Amino acid sequence: MTEEQEHQSRPSSAQSELWPYEKALAHCIKDFVAELCLTDASIIIAYICNELHANIDDLIESSTELHFKEGVLSYGHCADVKFEWGKSPAVVLDMEFVHQSVTVFFKLVLHGFYVGVSIQRILLSNKSGDPELDLQTFERVLNDARRPPLGTSVTP
């Protein structure tokens, strides 16, 4: 089984239902991921292998502070490294997004050639039952969780 298949092991119906949410989440956190990827991969791998979860937590927190409001995006205190001979290691971090009426548990996959988001569970406290409306609510909450870009003024 390839690494991509491992991280996409849920049933195809659930996959198709979560795909729009994963796409929205991935787009929202791309600045955070870019910041996190500035850290040398060997450091992250060493932290994971030595179970230094507080250090990983610090890396995640410092990578989020410019892009998200405090406490919105956090490390779920579980991580794994997948080693395969002749290939880049894949780092898998359990992550949590919590803001307003939305909680998302997801895996962030950092590989040598791709970055992926795999949502494990979404909790919407104001679920309408209309998939399109729920997705719009999800996207609105994602946008509200972000900090304004540096250099822009915030009006109350």
C-alpha atoms as a PDB file:
ATOM      1  CA  MET A   1       0.000   0.000   0.000  1.00  0.00           C
ATOM      2  CA  THR A   2       1.435   3.396  -0.940  1.00  0.00           C
ATOM      3  CA  GLU A   3       1.639   6.272   1.525  1.00  0.00           C
ATOM      4  CA  GLU A   4      -1.069   8.162  -0.342  1.00  0.00           C
ATOM      5  CA  GLN A   5      -3.383   5.154  -0.068  1.00  0.00           C
ATOM      6  CA  GLU A   6      -2.600   4.791   3.642  1.00  0.00           C
ATOM      7  CA  HIS A   7      -3.721   8.328   4.358  1.00  0.00           C
ATOM      8  CA  GLN A   8      -6.822   7.965   2.188  1.00  0.00           C
ATOM      9  CA  SER A   9      -8.156   4.789   3.739  1.00  0.00           C
ATOM     10  CA  ARG A  10     -11.688   5.906   4.510  1.00  0.00           C
ATOM     11  CA  PRO A  11     -14.632   4.764   2.364  1.00  0.00           C
ATOM     12  CA  SER A  12     -15.092   6.608  -0.933  1.00  0.00           C
ATOM     13  CA  SER A  13     -18.526   8.022   0.048  1.00  0.00           C
ATOM     14  CA  ALA A  14     -17.041   9.632   3.170  1.00  0.00           C
ATOM     15  CA  GLN A  15     -14.097  10.794   1.062  1.00  0.00           C
ATOM     16  CA  SER A  16     -16.348  12.553  -1.423  1.00  0.00           C
ATOM     17  CA  GLU A  17     -18.353  14.193   1.384  1.00  0.00           C
ATOM     18  CA  LEU A  18     -15.207  15.492   3.104  1.00  0.00           C
ATOM     19  CA  TRP A  19     -13.324  16.544  -0.028  1.00  0.00           C
ATOM     20  CA  PRO A  20     -14.812  20.089  -0.198  1.00  0.00           C
ATOM     21  CA  TYR A  21     -14.059  20.551   3.510  1.00  0.00           C
ATOM     22  CA  GLU A  22     -10.489  19.276   3.093  1.00  0.00           C
ATOM     23  CA  LYS A  23      -9.967  21.576   0.136  1.00  0.00           C
ATOM     24  CA  ALA A  24     -11.249  24.609   2.107  1.00  0.00           C
ATOM     25  CA  LEU A  25      -9.158  23.697   5.166  1.00  0.00           C
ATOM     26  CA  ALA A  26      -6.012  23.113   3.090  1.00  0.00           C
ATOM     27  CA  HIS A  27      -6.445  26.486   1.383  1.00  0.00           C
ATOM     28  CA  CYS A  28      -6.984  28.209   4.723  1.00  0.00           C
ATOM     29  CA  ILE A  29      -3.879  26.753   6.411  1.00  0.00           C
ATOM     30  CA  LYS A  30      -1.443  27.056   3.483  1.00  0.00           C
ATOM     31  CA  ASP A  31       0.379  30.027   5.088  1.00  0.00           C
ATOM     32  CA  PHE A  32       0.786  28.088   8.318  1.00  0.00           C
ATOM     33  CA  VAL A  33       2.087  25.037   6.390  1.00  0.00           C
ATOM     34  CA  ALA A  34       4.572  27.199   4.480  1.00  0.00           C
ATOM     35  CA  GLU A  35       5.819  28.625   7.785  1.00  0.00           C
ATOM     36  CA  LEU A  36       6.081  25.159   9.361  1.00  0.00           C
ATOM     37  CA  CYS A  37       7.997  23.835   6.349  1.00  0.00           C
ATOM     38  CA  LEU A  38      10.720  26.422   7.006  1.00  0.00           C
ATOM     39  CA  THR A  39      11.738  24.165   9.901  1.00  0.00           C
ATOM     40  CA  ASP A  40      14.340  21.598   8.915  1.00  0.00           C
ATOM     41  CA  ALA A  41      12.550  18.266   8.428  1.00  0.00           C
ATOM     42  CA  SER A  42      15.242  16.421  10.399  1.00  0.00           C
ATOM     43  CA  ILE A  43      14.364  18.500  13.475  1.00  0.00           C
ATOM     44  CA  ILE A  44      10.668  17.647  13.225  1.00  0.00           C
ATOM     45  CA  ILE A  45      11.505  13.968  12.650  1.00  0.00           C
ATOM     46  CA  ALA A  46      13.854  13.935  15.661  1.00  0.00           C
ATOM     47  CA  TYR A  47      11.143  15.473  17.849  1.00  0.00           C
ATOM     48  CA  ILE A  48       8.654  12.831  16.696  1.00  0.00           C
ATOM     49  CA  CYS A  49      11.037   9.885  17.121  1.00  0.00           C
ATOM     50  CA  ASN A  50      12.002  11.085  20.604  1.00  0.00           C
ATOM     51  CA  GLU A  51       8.377  11.856  21.535  1.00  0.00           C
ATOM     52  CA  LEU A  52       9.159  15.498  22.276  1.00  0.00           C
ATOM     53  CA  HIS A  53       5.545  16.596  21.921  1.00  0.00           C
ATOM     54  CA  ALA A  54       6.060  19.896  23.751  1.00  0.00           C
ATOM     55  CA  ASN A  55       8.712  20.851  21.187  1.00  0.00           C
ATOM     56  CA  ILE A  56       6.370  19.954  18.319  1.00  0.00           C
ATOM     57  CA  ASP A  57       3.645  21.960  20.030  1.00  0.00           C
ATOM     58  CA  ASP A  58       5.996  24.974  20.174  1.00  0.00           C
ATOM     59  CA  LEU A  59       6.791  24.624  16.457  1.00  0.00           C
ATOM     60  CA  ILE A  60       3.098  24.483  15.580  1.00  0.00           C
ATOM     61  CA  GLU A  61       2.257  27.418  17.834  1.00  0.00           C
ATOM     62  CA  SER A  62       5.024  29.622  16.442  1.00  0.00           C
ATOM     63  CA  SER A  63       4.002  28.737  12.874  1.00  0.00           C
ATOM     64  CA  THR A  64       0.375  29.713  13.536  1.00  0.00           C
ATOM     65  CA  GLU A  65       0.835  32.952  15.470  1.00  0.00           C
ATOM     66  CA  LEU A  66       1.044  35.238  12.413  1.00  0.00           C
ATOM     67  CA  HIS A  67      -1.822  33.591  10.559  1.00  0.00           C
ATOM     68  CA  PHE A  68      -4.477  32.504  13.079  1.00  0.00           C
ATOM     69  CA  LYS A  69      -6.109  33.837  16.193  1.00  0.00           C
ATOM     70  CA  GLU A  70      -4.725  32.386  19.408  1.00  0.00           C
ATOM     71  CA  GLY A  71      -5.697  28.783  20.176  1.00  0.00           C
ATOM     72  CA  VAL A  72      -7.466  28.111  16.869  1.00  0.00           C
ATOM     73  CA  LEU A  73      -4.990  25.690  15.304  1.00  0.00           C
ATOM     74  CA  SER A  74      -3.143  23.291  17.563  1.00  0.00           C
ATOM     75  CA  TYR A  75      -1.117  20.115  17.645  1.00  0.00           C
ATOM     76  CA  GLY A  76      -3.094  17.019  18.695  1.00  0.00           C
ATOM     77  CA  HIS A  77      -0.102  15.479  20.567  1.00  0.00           C
ATOM     78  CA  CYS A  78       0.249  12.540  18.202  1.00  0.00           C
ATOM     79  CA  ALA A  79       2.669  12.256  15.305  1.00  0.00           C
ATOM     80  CA  ASP A  80       4.261   9.631  13.130  1.00  0.00           C
ATOM     81  CA  VAL A  81       7.046   9.332  10.596  1.00  0.00           C
ATOM     82  CA  LYS A  82       6.762   6.823   7.785  1.00  0.00           C
ATOM     83  CA  PHE A  83      10.097   5.674   6.407  1.00  0.00           C
ATOM     84  CA  GLU A  84      10.308   3.823   3.106  1.00  0.00           C
ATOM     85  CA  TRP A  85      13.610   2.827   1.564  1.00  0.00           C
ATOM     86  CA  GLY A  86      14.667   5.173  -1.242  1.00  0.00           C
ATOM     87  CA  LYS A  87      11.845   7.653  -0.615  1.00  0.00           C
ATOM     88  CA  SER A  88      11.429  10.825   1.400  1.00  0.00           C
ATOM     89  CA  PRO A  89      10.024  10.257   4.883  1.00  0.00           C
ATOM     90  CA  ALA A  90       6.398  11.266   5.419  1.00  0.00           C
ATOM     91  CA  VAL A  91       5.594  13.194   8.579  1.00  0.00           C
ATOM     92  CA  VAL A  92       2.022  12.896   9.856  1.00  0.00           C
ATOM     93  CA  LEU A  93       0.848  15.319  12.534  1.00  0.00           C
ATOM     94  CA  ASP A  94      -2.516  15.130  14.285  1.00  0.00           C
ATOM     95  CA  MET A  95      -4.007  18.617  14.309  1.00  0.00           C
ATOM     96  CA  GLU A  96      -7.068  20.343  15.708  1.00  0.00           C
ATOM     97  CA  PHE A  97      -8.913  23.406  14.458  1.00  0.00           C
ATOM     98  CA  VAL A  98     -11.340  24.916  16.991  1.00  0.00           C
ATOM     99  CA  HIS A  99     -13.180  28.180  16.391  1.00  0.00           C
ATOM    100  CA  GLN A 100     -16.716  29.330  17.085  1.00  0.00           C
ATOM    101  CA  SER A 101     -19.106  26.499  16.168  1.00  0.00           C
ATOM    102  CA  VAL A 102     -16.571  24.318  14.312  1.00  0.00           C
ATOM    103  CA  THR A 103     -14.101  21.712  15.538  1.00  0.00           C
ATOM    104  CA  VAL A 104     -12.018  19.738  13.047  1.00  0.00           C
ATOM    105  CA  PHE A 105      -9.684  16.859  13.827  1.00  0.00           C
ATOM    106  CA  PHE A 106      -7.324  16.227  10.925  1.00  0.00           C
ATOM    107  CA  LYS A 107      -3.975  14.832   9.918  1.00  0.00           C
ATOM    108  CA  LEU A 108      -1.403  17.057   8.263  1.00  0.00           C
ATOM    109  CA  VAL A 109       0.836  14.983   5.992  1.00  0.00           C
ATOM    110  CA  LEU A 110       4.208  16.489   5.080  1.00  0.00           C
ATOM    111  CA  HIS A 111       5.990  14.512   2.408  1.00  0.00           C
ATOM    112  CA  GLY A 112       8.987  15.343   0.266  1.00  0.00           C
ATOM    113  CA  PHE A 113       6.779  15.943  -2.764  1.00  0.00           C
ATOM    114  CA  TYR A 114       3.368  16.880  -1.383  1.00  0.00           C
ATOM    115  CA  VAL A 115       1.465  18.215   1.589  1.00  0.00           C
ATOM    116  CA  GLY A 116      -1.920  16.783   2.411  1.00  0.00           C
ATOM    117  CA  VAL A 117      -4.828  17.296   4.759  1.00  0.00           C
ATOM    118  CA  SER A 118      -6.950  14.352   5.835  1.00  0.00           C
ATOM    119  CA  ILE A 119      -9.967  15.269   7.937  1.00  0.00           C
ATOM    120  CA  GLN A 120     -10.790  12.624  10.530  1.00  0.00           C
ATOM    121  CA  ARG A 121     -13.858  14.303  12.013  1.00  0.00           C
ATOM    122  CA  ILE A 122     -15.777  17.565  11.746  1.00  0.00           C
ATOM    123  CA  LEU A 123     -18.058  18.814  14.501  1.00  0.00           C
ATOM    124  CA  LEU A 124     -20.483  21.553  13.448  1.00  0.00           C
ATOM    125  CA  SER A 125     -22.607  22.681  16.364  1.00  0.00           C
ATOM    126  CA  ASN A 126     -25.030  24.540  14.069  1.00  0.00           C
ATOM    127  CA  LYS A 127     -25.410  21.886  11.380  1.00  0.00           C
ATOM    128  CA  SER A 128     -28.280  22.764   9.039  1.00  0.00           C
ATOM    129  CA  GLY A 129     -28.597  19.484   7.158  1.00  0.00           C
ATOM    130  CA  ASP A 130     -28.014  21.311   3.851  1.00  0.00           C
ATOM    131  CA  PRO A 131     -24.516  20.283   2.660  1.00  0.00           C
ATOM    132  CA  GLU A 132     -23.973  23.497   0.701  1.00  0.00           C
ATOM    133  CA  LEU A 133     -25.028  25.734   3.588  1.00  0.00           C
ATOM    134  CA  ASP A 134     -22.893  23.732   6.035  1.00  0.00           C
ATOM    135  CA  LEU A 135     -19.866  24.123   3.751  1.00  0.00           C
ATOM    136  CA  GLN A 136     -20.454  27.885   3.521  1.00  0.00           C
ATOM    137  CA  THR A 137     -20.642  28.075   7.322  1.00  0.00           C
ATOM    138  CA  PHE A 138     -17.424  26.057   7.554  1.00  0.00           C
ATOM    139  CA  GLU A 139     -15.641  28.392   5.110  1.00  0.00           C
ATOM    140  CA  ARG A 140     -16.929  31.490   6.953  1.00  0.00           C
ATOM    141  CA  VAL A 141     -15.594  30.147  10.269  1.00  0.00           C
ATOM    142  CA  LEU A 142     -12.228  29.303   8.665  1.00  0.00           C
ATOM    143  CA  ASN A 143     -11.925  32.859   7.347  1.00  0.00           C
ATOM    144  CA  ASP A 144     -12.952  34.362  10.681  1.00  0.00           C
ATOM    145  CA  ALA A 145     -10.246  32.348  12.466  1.00  0.00           C
ATOM    146  CA  ARG A 146      -7.468  33.968  10.447  1.00  0.00           C
ATOM    147  CA  ARG A 147      -5.578  37.062  11.502  1.00  0.00           C
ATOM    148  CA  PRO A 148      -5.596  39.941   9.020  1.00  0.00           C
ATOM    149  CA  PRO A 149      -2.423  40.072   6.898  1.00  0.00           C
ATOM    150  CA  LEU A 150       0.383  42.161   8.363  1.00  0.00           C
ATOM    151  CA  GLY A 151       0.186  45.819   7.422  1.00  0.00           C
ATOM    152  CA  THR A 152      -3.608  45.917   7.176  1.00  0.00           C
ATOM    153  CA  SER A 153      -5.647  47.805   9.702  1.00  0.00           C
ATOM    154  CA  VAL A 154      -8.568  46.227  11.494  1.00  0.00           C
ATOM    155  CA  THR A 155     -11.723  48.287  11.935  1.00  0.00           C
ATOM    156  CA  PRO A 156     -14.161  47.316  14.689  1.00  0.00           C
END
